[in-house]
């Protein structure tokens, strides 16, 4: 059925002549949108606006907004924001911005067009959500980049501590100082064990995930 519809749509588009009315052209645009042929829909809508004047200019803007929003939905990453590259949101955000521009123009063209106003609200919600998800992905990326630096600093600090302890004469320490030193070393060891355990739990969650 989809193939047959596409063939019929192609035949209609090929049959377009200069005598076709803007109404017919806009019907071609709607049919192309139904068939998910967004580029064909945009071309037909532009032709309808060129021949039909201001009324069809508003309809064209409404349809172009729909096409841009559909591209936005396709471009938006579907994975967890913790795993997404922040730049993968750029195309989706650019398309929702484009959709908003078209919808806002169509909504402003006349007062009795609630569908256009609802689409503007829909676009604003999508833009806010995409920006929030991109910001979260950027935070996770920065955190991942900083982790090796923190590990390096911690390793350097521990190395300095070991060198300092190696240079000390244990006989020069009092009983209280020895107890404090042993308690400090025990605390450091517990911290390292806790960190290893947390990392192992994180890897386990990644292995169990099946989506």
N, C-alpha and C. Protein backbone atom coordinates (compact mmCIF):
# COMPACT_ATOMS: atom_id res chain seq x y z
N UNK A 1 0.84 -1.20 0.00
CA UNK A 1 0.00 0.00 0.00
C UNK A 1 0.87 1.25 0.00
N UNK A 2 1.95 1.25 0.80
CA UNK A 2 2.81 2.44 0.87
C UNK A 2 3.47 2.70 -0.47
N UNK A 3 3.93 1.61 -1.15
CA UNK A 3 4.56 1.76 -2.45
C UNK A 3 3.55 2.30 -3.46
N UNK A 4 2.34 1.76 -3.45
CA UNK A 4 1.32 2.21 -4.39
C UNK A 4 1.00 3.69 -4.17
N UNK A 5 0.92 4.08 -2.88
CA UNK A 5 0.63 5.48 -2.57
C UNK A 5 1.75 6.38 -3.07
N UNK A 6 3.01 5.92 -2.90
CA UNK A 6 4.14 6.72 -3.35
C UNK A 6 4.13 6.89 -4.86
N UNK A 7 3.79 5.82 -5.55
CA UNK A 7 3.73 5.90 -7.01
C UNK A 7 2.64 6.87 -7.44
N UNK A 8 1.48 6.78 -6.78
CA UNK A 8 0.39 7.70 -7.10
C UNK A 8 0.78 9.14 -6.82
N UNK A 9 1.49 9.35 -5.71
CA UNK A 9 1.95 10.70 -5.37
C UNK A 9 2.92 11.22 -6.42
N UNK A 10 3.84 10.36 -6.87
CA UNK A 10 4.79 10.77 -7.89
C UNK A 10 4.07 11.15 -9.18
N UNK A 11 3.05 10.39 -9.51
CA UNK A 11 2.29 10.68 -10.72
C UNK A 11 1.58 12.03 -10.61
N UNK A 12 1.01 12.30 -9.42
CA UNK A 12 0.35 13.59 -9.21
C UNK A 12 1.35 14.74 -9.31
N UNK A 13 2.51 14.56 -8.71
CA UNK A 13 3.51 15.62 -8.72
C UNK A 13 4.02 15.87 -10.14
N UNK A 14 4.22 14.79 -10.89
CA UNK A 14 4.70 14.93 -12.25
C UNK A 14 3.66 15.62 -13.13
N UNK A 15 2.38 15.47 -12.78
CA UNK A 15 1.31 16.03 -13.60
C UNK A 15 1.05 17.50 -13.31
N UNK A 16 1.76 18.06 -12.31
CA UNK A 16 1.54 19.47 -11.95
C UNK A 16 1.86 20.37 -13.14
N UNK A 17 1.01 21.29 -13.41
CA UNK A 17 1.23 22.27 -14.48
C UNK A 17 1.03 23.65 -13.89
N UNK A 18 1.32 24.64 -14.69
CA UNK A 18 1.15 26.02 -14.23
C UNK A 18 -0.32 26.36 -13.99
N UNK A 19 -1.23 25.56 -14.56
CA UNK A 19 -2.65 25.83 -14.38
C UNK A 19 -3.19 25.29 -13.06
N UNK A 20 -2.41 24.49 -12.36
CA UNK A 20 -2.93 23.91 -11.13
C UNK A 20 -3.19 25.01 -10.10
N UNK A 21 -4.28 24.87 -9.39
CA UNK A 21 -4.66 25.86 -8.39
C UNK A 21 -3.80 25.70 -7.14
N UNK A 22 -3.69 26.76 -6.34
CA UNK A 22 -2.96 26.64 -5.07
C UNK A 22 -3.58 25.60 -4.14
N UNK A 23 -4.92 25.45 -4.22
CA UNK A 23 -5.58 24.42 -3.40
C UNK A 23 -5.08 23.02 -3.77
N UNK A 24 -4.98 22.78 -5.08
CA UNK A 24 -4.50 21.46 -5.53
C UNK A 24 -3.06 21.24 -5.11
N UNK A 25 -2.25 22.25 -5.25
CA UNK A 25 -0.84 22.14 -4.86
C UNK A 25 -0.71 21.87 -3.36
N UNK A 26 -1.52 22.55 -2.57
CA UNK A 26 -1.42 22.34 -1.12
C UNK A 26 -1.92 20.94 -0.75
N UNK A 27 -2.91 20.44 -1.50
CA UNK A 27 -3.35 19.06 -1.26
C UNK A 27 -2.21 18.08 -1.57
N UNK A 28 -1.42 18.38 -2.61
CA UNK A 28 -0.25 17.55 -2.90
C UNK A 28 0.72 17.59 -1.71
N UNK A 29 0.87 18.79 -1.15
CA UNK A 29 1.78 18.93 -0.01
C UNK A 29 1.32 18.09 1.18
N UNK A 30 0.02 18.12 1.45
CA UNK A 30 -0.52 17.33 2.57
C UNK A 30 -0.35 15.84 2.32
N UNK A 31 -0.59 15.42 1.06
CA UNK A 31 -0.43 14.01 0.73
C UNK A 31 1.02 13.57 0.90
N UNK A 32 1.95 14.43 0.51
CA UNK A 32 3.37 14.10 0.67
C UNK A 32 3.75 13.99 2.14
N UNK A 33 3.20 14.86 2.97
CA UNK A 33 3.47 14.76 4.41
C UNK A 33 2.94 13.46 4.96
N UNK A 34 1.76 13.06 4.51
CA UNK A 34 1.17 11.79 4.96
C UNK A 34 2.08 10.62 4.57
N UNK A 35 2.69 10.74 3.41
CA UNK A 35 3.60 9.69 2.92
C UNK A 35 5.01 9.85 3.47
N UNK A 36 5.20 10.82 4.36
CA UNK A 36 6.50 11.08 4.99
C UNK A 36 7.54 11.55 3.98
N UNK A 37 7.06 12.15 2.89
CA UNK A 37 7.97 12.73 1.88
C UNK A 37 8.06 14.23 2.14
N UNK A 38 8.85 14.60 3.13
CA UNK A 38 8.84 15.98 3.61
C UNK A 38 9.37 16.97 2.57
N UNK A 39 10.41 16.57 1.82
CA UNK A 39 10.95 17.49 0.84
C UNK A 39 9.91 17.78 -0.25
N UNK A 40 9.22 16.75 -0.72
CA UNK A 40 8.18 16.95 -1.73
C UNK A 40 7.06 17.83 -1.17
N UNK A 41 6.72 17.64 0.10
CA UNK A 41 5.68 18.44 0.73
C UNK A 41 6.09 19.91 0.79
N UNK A 42 7.34 20.16 1.13
CA UNK A 42 7.82 21.55 1.23
C UNK A 42 7.80 22.24 -0.14
N UNK A 43 8.19 21.51 -1.17
CA UNK A 43 8.19 22.10 -2.51
C UNK A 43 6.78 22.44 -2.96
N UNK A 44 5.84 21.51 -2.75
CA UNK A 44 4.46 21.76 -3.15
C UNK A 44 3.85 22.91 -2.37
N UNK A 45 4.18 23.00 -1.07
CA UNK A 45 3.65 24.08 -0.24
C UNK A 45 4.21 25.43 -0.70
N UNK A 46 5.48 25.47 -1.08
CA UNK A 46 6.07 26.71 -1.58
C UNK A 46 5.39 27.14 -2.88
N UNK A 47 5.08 26.20 -3.76
CA UNK A 47 4.39 26.53 -5.01
C UNK A 47 2.99 27.06 -4.73
N UNK A 48 2.31 26.43 -3.74
CA UNK A 48 0.97 26.89 -3.40
C UNK A 48 1.00 28.33 -2.89
N UNK A 49 2.00 28.64 -2.07
CA UNK A 49 2.13 30.00 -1.54
C UNK A 49 2.44 31.01 -2.64
N UNK A 50 3.28 30.58 -3.59
CA UNK A 50 3.65 31.49 -4.68
C UNK A 50 2.44 31.84 -5.54
N UNK A 51 1.50 30.90 -5.68
CA UNK A 51 0.34 31.14 -6.54
C UNK A 51 -0.89 31.63 -5.77
N UNK A 52 -0.94 31.32 -4.47
CA UNK A 52 -2.16 31.62 -3.72
C UNK A 52 -2.12 32.87 -2.87
N UNK A 53 -0.95 33.47 -2.69
CA UNK A 53 -0.90 34.69 -1.91
C UNK A 53 -0.81 34.46 -0.41
N UNK A 54 -1.26 35.47 0.35
CA UNK A 54 -1.05 35.49 1.80
C UNK A 54 -1.75 34.33 2.51
N UNK A 55 -2.95 33.95 2.07
CA UNK A 55 -3.65 32.84 2.74
C UNK A 55 -2.83 31.56 2.67
N UNK A 56 -2.25 31.29 1.53
CA UNK A 56 -1.47 30.06 1.38
C UNK A 56 -0.06 30.22 1.93
N UNK A 57 0.39 31.45 2.09
CA UNK A 57 1.67 31.66 2.77
C UNK A 57 1.59 31.18 4.22
N UNK A 58 0.49 31.49 4.88
CA UNK A 58 0.31 31.04 6.26
C UNK A 58 0.20 29.52 6.33
N UNK A 59 -0.53 28.92 5.38
CA UNK A 59 -0.63 27.46 5.35
C UNK A 59 0.73 26.83 5.08
N UNK A 60 1.48 27.45 4.18
CA UNK A 60 2.82 26.95 3.91
C UNK A 60 3.67 26.96 5.17
N UNK A 61 3.64 28.08 5.91
CA UNK A 61 4.44 28.18 7.13
C UNK A 61 4.04 27.11 8.13
N UNK A 62 2.74 26.86 8.24
CA UNK A 62 2.26 25.83 9.17
C UNK A 62 2.83 24.47 8.78
N UNK A 63 2.78 24.14 7.48
CA UNK A 63 3.28 22.84 7.03
C UNK A 63 4.80 22.75 7.15
N UNK A 64 5.51 23.83 6.83
CA UNK A 64 6.97 23.80 6.97
C UNK A 64 7.38 23.62 8.43
N UNK A 65 6.60 24.21 9.33
CA UNK A 65 6.86 24.00 10.75
C UNK A 65 6.69 22.54 11.14
N UNK A 66 5.64 21.91 10.60
CA UNK A 66 5.41 20.48 10.87
C UNK A 66 6.58 19.63 10.36
N UNK A 67 7.05 19.94 9.16
CA UNK A 67 8.15 19.17 8.59
C UNK A 67 9.43 19.34 9.42
N UNK A 68 9.70 20.56 9.84
CA UNK A 68 10.91 20.81 10.64
C UNK A 68 10.82 20.09 11.99
N UNK A 69 9.62 20.08 12.58
CA UNK A 69 9.46 19.42 13.87
C UNK A 69 9.65 17.91 13.73
N UNK A 70 9.17 17.35 12.62
CA UNK A 70 9.36 15.92 12.41
C UNK A 70 10.84 15.60 12.28
N UNK A 71 11.58 16.46 11.61
CA UNK A 71 13.04 16.26 11.52
C UNK A 71 13.69 16.38 12.91
N UNK A 72 13.18 17.28 13.70
CA UNK A 72 13.69 17.42 15.07
C UNK A 72 13.51 16.13 15.85
N UNK A 73 12.32 15.55 15.78
CA UNK A 73 12.05 14.31 16.51
C UNK A 73 12.97 13.19 16.06
N UNK A 74 13.28 13.15 14.77
CA UNK A 74 14.16 12.09 14.26
C UNK A 74 15.60 12.32 14.69
N UNK A 75 16.00 13.58 14.78
CA UNK A 75 17.40 13.88 15.10
C UNK A 75 17.69 13.78 16.59
N UNK A 76 16.67 13.91 17.43
CA UNK A 76 16.89 13.91 18.89
C UNK A 76 17.39 12.54 19.35
N UNK A 77 18.48 12.50 20.11
CA UNK A 77 18.97 11.21 20.63
C UNK A 77 17.93 10.53 21.50
N UNK A 78 17.78 9.23 21.32
CA UNK A 78 16.81 8.47 22.11
C UNK A 78 17.45 7.78 23.31
N UNK A 79 18.79 7.76 23.35
CA UNK A 79 19.48 7.07 24.44
C UNK A 79 19.50 7.92 25.70
N UNK A 80 19.98 7.29 26.78
CA UNK A 80 20.15 7.97 28.06
C UNK A 80 21.08 9.16 27.88
N UNK A 81 20.72 10.31 28.45
CA UNK A 81 21.56 11.51 28.29
C UNK A 81 22.95 11.32 28.89
N UNK A 82 23.11 10.40 29.81
CA UNK A 82 24.42 10.17 30.40
C UNK A 82 25.38 9.57 29.38
N UNK A 83 24.84 8.91 28.34
CA UNK A 83 25.67 8.27 27.35
C UNK A 83 25.75 9.07 26.05
N UNK A 84 24.93 10.09 25.88
CA UNK A 84 24.85 10.82 24.61
C UNK A 84 25.95 11.86 24.49
N UNK A 85 26.44 12.05 23.27
CA UNK A 85 27.36 13.14 22.97
C UNK A 85 26.55 14.43 22.91
N UNK A 86 26.96 15.47 23.65
CA UNK A 86 26.16 16.72 23.66
C UNK A 86 25.92 17.28 22.27
N UNK A 87 26.87 17.12 21.35
CA UNK A 87 26.71 17.70 20.02
C UNK A 87 25.62 17.01 19.21
N UNK A 88 25.20 15.80 19.61
CA UNK A 88 24.15 15.12 18.87
C UNK A 88 22.80 15.81 19.03
N UNK A 89 22.70 16.72 19.99
CA UNK A 89 21.45 17.46 20.17
C UNK A 89 21.37 18.69 19.27
N UNK A 90 22.48 19.09 18.67
CA UNK A 90 22.51 20.35 17.93
C UNK A 90 21.53 20.36 16.76
N UNK A 91 21.50 19.28 15.99
CA UNK A 91 20.63 19.23 14.81
C UNK A 91 19.16 19.27 15.23
N UNK A 92 18.83 18.53 16.30
CA UNK A 92 17.44 18.52 16.78
C UNK A 92 17.02 19.91 17.26
N UNK A 93 17.89 20.58 17.99
CA UNK A 93 17.57 21.91 18.50
C UNK A 93 17.43 22.90 17.35
N UNK A 94 18.30 22.78 16.34
CA UNK A 94 18.21 23.68 15.18
C UNK A 94 16.88 23.49 14.45
N UNK A 95 16.42 22.26 14.35
CA UNK A 95 15.15 22.00 13.66
C UNK A 95 13.94 22.47 14.47
N UNK A 96 14.00 22.33 15.78
CA UNK A 96 12.86 22.80 16.57
C UNK A 96 12.82 24.33 16.57
N UNK A 97 13.97 24.97 16.51
CA UNK A 97 14.01 26.43 16.38
C UNK A 97 13.37 26.84 15.05
N UNK A 98 13.68 26.10 14.00
CA UNK A 98 13.11 26.40 12.68
C UNK A 98 11.59 26.21 12.70
N UNK A 99 11.15 25.10 13.31
CA UNK A 99 9.71 24.84 13.40
C UNK A 99 9.00 25.96 14.16
N UNK A 100 9.60 26.40 15.25
CA UNK A 100 9.00 27.48 16.03
C UNK A 100 8.85 28.76 15.21
N UNK A 101 9.86 29.07 14.42
CA UNK A 101 9.78 30.27 13.59
C UNK A 101 8.61 30.22 12.62
N UNK A 102 8.43 29.07 11.96
CA UNK A 102 7.32 28.93 11.02
C UNK A 102 5.97 28.97 11.75
N UNK A 103 5.87 28.24 12.85
CA UNK A 103 4.59 28.18 13.57
C UNK A 103 4.21 29.53 14.15
N UNK A 104 5.19 30.26 14.65
CA UNK A 104 4.89 31.57 15.21
C UNK A 104 4.39 32.54 14.14
N UNK A 105 4.95 32.44 12.94
CA UNK A 105 4.46 33.28 11.85
C UNK A 105 3.03 32.90 11.45
N UNK A 106 2.76 31.60 11.37
CA UNK A 106 1.42 31.17 10.98
C UNK A 106 0.41 31.53 12.07
N UNK A 107 0.79 31.39 13.35
CA UNK A 107 -0.12 31.74 14.44
C UNK A 107 -0.43 33.23 14.45
N UNK A 108 0.56 34.05 14.08
CA UNK A 108 0.36 35.50 14.08
C UNK A 108 -0.44 35.97 12.87
N UNK A 109 -0.61 35.10 11.87
CA UNK A 109 -1.28 35.53 10.64
C UNK A 109 -2.78 35.70 10.84
N UNK A 110 -3.35 34.99 11.81
CA UNK A 110 -4.78 35.16 12.09
C UNK A 110 -5.08 34.72 13.51
N UNK A 111 -6.15 35.26 14.06
CA UNK A 111 -6.48 35.01 15.48
C UNK A 111 -7.16 33.66 15.69
N UNK A 112 -7.87 33.16 14.69
CA UNK A 112 -8.67 31.94 14.87
C UNK A 112 -7.93 30.70 14.37
N UNK A 113 -6.71 30.49 14.90
CA UNK A 113 -5.93 29.33 14.49
C UNK A 113 -5.33 28.67 15.73
N UNK A 114 -6.15 27.99 16.51
CA UNK A 114 -5.65 27.39 17.75
C UNK A 114 -4.62 26.30 17.51
N UNK A 115 -4.72 25.59 16.37
CA UNK A 115 -3.74 24.54 16.09
C UNK A 115 -2.33 25.11 15.97
N UNK A 116 -2.23 26.26 15.34
CA UNK A 116 -0.91 26.89 15.21
C UNK A 116 -0.36 27.31 16.57
N UNK A 117 -1.22 27.85 17.42
CA UNK A 117 -0.76 28.27 18.76
C UNK A 117 -0.36 27.06 19.60
N UNK A 118 -1.14 25.98 19.47
CA UNK A 118 -0.77 24.76 20.22
C UNK A 118 0.57 24.20 19.75
N UNK A 119 0.81 24.31 18.45
CA UNK A 119 2.10 23.84 17.94
C UNK A 119 3.25 24.69 18.45
N UNK A 120 3.02 25.99 18.59
CA UNK A 120 4.05 26.85 19.17
C UNK A 120 4.38 26.39 20.59
N UNK A 121 3.35 26.12 21.38
CA UNK A 121 3.56 25.65 22.76
C UNK A 121 4.29 24.30 22.76
N UNK A 122 3.92 23.45 21.84
CA UNK A 122 4.57 22.14 21.71
C UNK A 122 6.05 22.32 21.38
N UNK A 123 6.34 23.24 20.45
CA UNK A 123 7.73 23.48 20.10
C UNK A 123 8.54 24.06 21.24
N UNK A 124 7.92 24.95 22.02
CA UNK A 124 8.63 25.53 23.16
C UNK A 124 8.97 24.46 24.20
N UNK A 125 8.04 23.54 24.43
CA UNK A 125 8.31 22.44 25.38
C UNK A 125 9.45 21.55 24.89
N UNK A 126 9.41 21.24 23.60
CA UNK A 126 10.46 20.39 23.04
C UNK A 126 11.82 21.09 23.11
N UNK A 127 11.87 22.37 22.79
CA UNK A 127 13.14 23.10 22.86
C UNK A 127 13.69 23.10 24.27
N UNK A 128 12.83 23.34 25.25
CA UNK A 128 13.27 23.35 26.65
C UNK A 128 13.82 21.98 27.05
N UNK A 129 13.11 20.91 26.65
CA UNK A 129 13.54 19.56 27.01
C UNK A 129 14.87 19.22 26.36
N UNK A 130 15.03 19.57 25.09
CA UNK A 130 16.28 19.26 24.39
C UNK A 130 17.45 20.04 24.98
N UNK A 131 17.23 21.30 25.30
CA UNK A 131 18.32 22.08 25.91
C UNK A 131 18.72 21.51 27.27
N UNK A 132 17.72 21.07 28.03
CA UNK A 132 18.00 20.49 29.34
C UNK A 132 18.79 19.19 29.20
N UNK A 133 18.39 18.36 28.24
CA UNK A 133 19.09 17.09 28.03
C UNK A 133 20.51 17.31 27.52
N UNK A 134 20.66 18.33 26.67
CA UNK A 134 22.00 18.63 26.18
C UNK A 134 22.90 19.13 27.32
N UNK A 135 22.35 19.97 28.19
CA UNK A 135 23.11 20.48 29.32
C UNK A 135 23.53 19.34 30.25
N UNK A 136 22.62 18.39 30.48
CA UNK A 136 22.95 17.25 31.33
C UNK A 136 24.04 16.40 30.70
N UNK A 137 23.94 16.18 29.38
CA UNK A 137 24.97 15.41 28.69
C UNK A 137 26.32 16.11 28.76
N UNK A 138 26.32 17.44 28.68
CA UNK A 138 27.56 18.21 28.76
C UNK A 138 28.17 18.08 30.16
N UNK A 139 27.33 18.11 31.19
CA UNK A 139 27.84 17.94 32.56
C UNK A 139 28.48 16.57 32.73
N UNK A 140 27.82 15.54 32.19
CA UNK A 140 28.37 14.19 32.30
C UNK A 140 29.69 14.09 31.54
N UNK A 141 29.78 14.76 30.39
CA UNK A 141 31.02 14.73 29.62
C UNK A 141 32.16 15.38 30.39
N UNK A 142 31.87 16.54 31.01
CA UNK A 142 32.92 17.22 31.79
C UNK A 142 33.36 16.36 32.97
N UNK A 143 32.38 15.70 33.60
CA UNK A 143 32.70 14.86 34.75
C UNK A 143 33.62 13.71 34.32
N UNK A 144 33.32 13.13 33.15
CA UNK A 144 34.13 12.02 32.65
C UNK A 144 35.55 12.49 32.33
N UNK A 145 35.67 13.71 31.76
CA UNK A 145 36.99 14.23 31.43
C UNK A 145 37.81 14.55 32.67
N UNK A 146 37.14 14.97 33.75
CA UNK A 146 37.86 15.36 34.96
C UNK A 146 38.27 14.16 35.81
N UNK A 147 37.61 13.01 35.62
CA UNK A 147 37.89 11.85 36.47
C UNK A 147 39.35 11.41 36.39
N UNK A 148 39.94 11.29 35.18
CA UNK A 148 41.37 10.91 35.14
C UNK A 148 42.26 11.91 35.86
N UNK A 149 41.91 13.21 35.79
CA UNK A 149 42.72 14.22 36.49
C UNK A 149 42.67 14.02 38.00
N UNK A 150 41.45 13.73 38.50
CA UNK A 150 41.32 13.50 39.95
C UNK A 150 42.11 12.26 40.37
N UNK A 151 42.02 11.20 39.54
CA UNK A 151 42.75 9.97 39.87
C UNK A 151 44.26 10.23 39.87
N UNK A 152 44.72 11.06 38.91
CA UNK A 152 46.15 11.37 38.85
C UNK A 152 46.59 12.16 40.07
N UNK A 153 45.79 13.14 40.46
CA UNK A 153 46.13 13.95 41.64
C UNK A 153 46.16 13.09 42.90
N UNK A 154 45.18 12.18 43.00
CA UNK A 154 45.14 11.31 44.18
C UNK A 154 46.37 10.40 44.21
N UNK A 155 46.75 9.88 43.05
CA UNK A 155 47.93 9.02 42.99
C UNK A 155 49.20 9.77 43.37
N UNK A 156 49.32 11.01 42.90
CA UNK A 156 50.50 11.81 43.24
C UNK A 156 50.54 12.11 44.73
N UNK A 157 49.39 12.39 45.31
CA UNK A 157 49.34 12.67 46.75
C UNK A 157 49.75 11.44 47.56
N UNK A 158 49.26 10.28 47.15
CA UNK A 158 49.61 9.06 47.88
C UNK A 158 51.10 8.74 47.73
N UNK A 159 51.65 8.99 46.54
CA UNK A 159 53.07 8.75 46.31
C UNK A 159 53.92 9.66 47.20
N UNK A 160 53.52 10.92 47.30
CA UNK A 160 54.25 11.85 48.17
C UNK A 160 54.19 11.40 49.62
N UNK A 161 53.01 10.90 50.02
CA UNK A 161 52.87 10.43 51.40
C UNK A 161 53.76 9.22 51.66
N UNK A 162 53.80 8.30 50.69
CA UNK A 162 54.64 7.11 50.87
C UNK A 162 56.12 7.50 50.94
N UNK A 163 56.52 8.44 50.10
CA UNK A 163 57.92 8.87 50.12
C UNK A 163 58.27 9.53 51.45
N UNK A 164 57.34 10.35 51.95
CA UNK A 164 57.60 11.03 53.22
C UNK A 164 57.70 10.02 54.36
N UNK A 165 56.83 9.02 54.34
CA UNK A 165 56.86 8.00 55.39
C UNK A 165 58.14 7.17 55.31
N UNK A 166 58.58 6.90 54.06
CA UNK A 166 59.79 6.09 53.90
C UNK A 166 61.03 6.79 54.44
N UNK A 167 61.01 8.12 54.42
CA UNK A 167 62.16 8.88 54.89
C UNK A 167 62.15 9.09 56.40
N UNK A 168 61.06 8.77 57.04
CA UNK A 168 60.99 8.98 58.49
C UNK A 168 61.64 7.82 59.24
N UNK A 169 62.14 8.13 60.40
CA UNK A 169 62.67 7.11 61.31
C UNK A 169 61.56 6.77 62.29
N UNK A 170 60.97 5.55 62.20
CA UNK A 170 59.87 5.20 63.11
C UNK A 170 60.23 5.36 64.57
N UNK A 171 61.54 5.22 64.89
CA UNK A 171 61.93 5.32 66.30
C UNK A 171 61.77 6.74 66.81
N UNK A 172 61.71 7.73 65.87
CA UNK A 172 61.58 9.12 66.30
C UNK A 172 60.13 9.48 66.63
N UNK A 173 59.18 8.57 66.35
CA UNK A 173 57.77 8.85 66.60
C UNK A 173 57.38 8.36 67.98
N UNK A 174 56.51 9.14 68.61
CA UNK A 174 55.99 8.73 69.90
C UNK A 174 54.91 7.67 69.69
N UNK A 175 54.48 7.04 70.76
CA UNK A 175 53.42 6.03 70.68
C UNK A 175 52.14 6.65 70.11
N UNK A 176 51.81 7.86 70.58
CA UNK A 176 50.60 8.53 70.10
C UNK A 176 50.71 8.83 68.61
N UNK A 177 51.89 9.29 68.17
CA UNK A 177 52.09 9.59 66.76
C UNK A 177 51.99 8.34 65.89
N UNK A 178 52.52 7.23 66.41
CA UNK A 178 52.42 5.97 65.67
C UNK A 178 50.96 5.53 65.52
N UNK A 179 50.20 5.67 66.61
CA UNK A 179 48.79 5.28 66.55
C UNK A 179 48.03 6.16 65.54
N UNK A 180 48.35 7.46 65.57
CA UNK A 180 47.69 8.36 64.63
C UNK A 180 48.06 8.02 63.18
N UNK A 181 49.34 7.66 62.97
CA UNK A 181 49.79 7.31 61.63
C UNK A 181 49.09 6.04 61.15
N UNK A 182 49.01 5.04 62.03
CA UNK A 182 48.34 3.79 61.65
C UNK A 182 46.86 4.02 61.36
N UNK A 183 46.20 4.86 62.15
CA UNK A 183 44.79 5.16 61.93
C UNK A 183 44.59 5.87 60.59
N UNK A 184 45.51 6.77 60.27
CA UNK A 184 45.42 7.50 58.99
C UNK A 184 45.58 6.55 57.82
N UNK A 185 46.59 5.64 57.94
CA UNK A 185 46.81 4.67 56.86
C UNK A 185 45.60 3.75 56.69
N UNK A 186 44.99 3.35 57.82
CA UNK A 186 43.81 2.48 57.75
C UNK A 186 42.65 3.21 57.08
N UNK A 187 42.48 4.49 57.40
CA UNK A 187 41.40 5.26 56.78
C UNK A 187 41.61 5.39 55.28
N UNK A 188 42.87 5.63 54.86
CA UNK A 188 43.15 5.73 53.44
C UNK A 188 42.85 4.43 52.72
N UNK A 189 43.18 3.31 53.37
CA UNK A 189 42.91 2.00 52.77
C UNK A 189 41.42 1.76 52.63
N UNK A 190 40.65 2.16 53.64
CA UNK A 190 39.20 2.00 53.56
C UNK A 190 38.62 2.85 52.43
N UNK A 191 39.13 4.06 52.25
CA UNK A 191 38.68 4.91 51.16
C UNK A 191 38.93 4.26 49.81
N UNK A 192 40.12 3.66 49.65
CA UNK A 192 40.45 3.01 48.38
C UNK A 192 39.54 1.81 48.13
N UNK A 193 39.26 1.04 49.19
CA UNK A 193 38.36 -0.12 49.01
C UNK A 193 36.96 0.33 48.63
N UNK A 194 36.49 1.40 49.27
CA UNK A 194 35.15 1.92 48.95
C UNK A 194 35.07 2.40 47.52
N UNK A 195 36.15 3.06 47.04
CA UNK A 195 36.17 3.56 45.67
C UNK A 195 36.16 2.40 44.68
N UNK A 196 36.96 1.34 44.97
CA UNK A 196 36.97 0.17 44.08
C UNK A 196 35.61 -0.50 44.04
N UNK A 197 34.97 -0.60 45.20
CA UNK A 197 33.65 -1.23 45.27
C UNK A 197 32.62 -0.45 44.47
N UNK A 198 32.67 0.89 44.56
CA UNK A 198 31.72 1.73 43.81
C UNK A 198 31.93 1.57 42.31
N UNK A 199 33.19 1.49 41.88
CA UNK A 199 33.46 1.31 40.45
C UNK A 199 32.96 -0.05 39.97
N UNK A 200 33.16 -1.08 40.79
CA UNK A 200 32.68 -2.41 40.39
C UNK A 200 31.17 -2.46 40.26
N UNK A 201 30.47 -1.76 41.20
CA UNK A 201 29.01 -1.71 41.10
C UNK A 201 28.58 -0.99 39.83
N UNK A 202 29.29 0.09 39.48
CA UNK A 202 28.95 0.81 38.25
C UNK A 202 29.13 -0.05 37.02
N UNK A 203 30.24 -0.84 36.99
CA UNK A 203 30.45 -1.71 35.83
C UNK A 203 29.40 -2.81 35.77
N UNK A 204 28.98 -3.30 36.93
CA UNK A 204 27.95 -4.34 36.95
C UNK A 204 26.64 -3.84 36.37
N UNK A 205 26.27 -2.59 36.71
CA UNK A 205 25.03 -2.04 36.15
C UNK A 205 25.14 -1.91 34.65
N UNK A 206 26.33 -1.54 34.13
CA UNK A 206 26.49 -1.40 32.69
C UNK A 206 26.36 -2.74 31.98
N UNK A 207 26.86 -3.80 32.61
CA UNK A 207 26.80 -5.13 31.99
C UNK A 207 25.39 -5.65 31.96
N UNK A 208 24.61 -5.39 33.02
CA UNK A 208 23.25 -5.91 33.09
C UNK A 208 22.31 -5.19 32.17
N UNK A 209 22.64 -3.97 31.73
CA UNK A 209 21.72 -3.19 30.90
C UNK A 209 21.57 -3.86 29.53
N UNK A 210 20.37 -4.03 29.04
CA UNK A 210 20.14 -4.72 27.77
C UNK A 210 19.37 -3.86 26.80
N UNK A 211 19.50 -2.54 26.91
CA UNK A 211 18.86 -1.67 25.92
C UNK A 211 19.85 -0.62 25.43
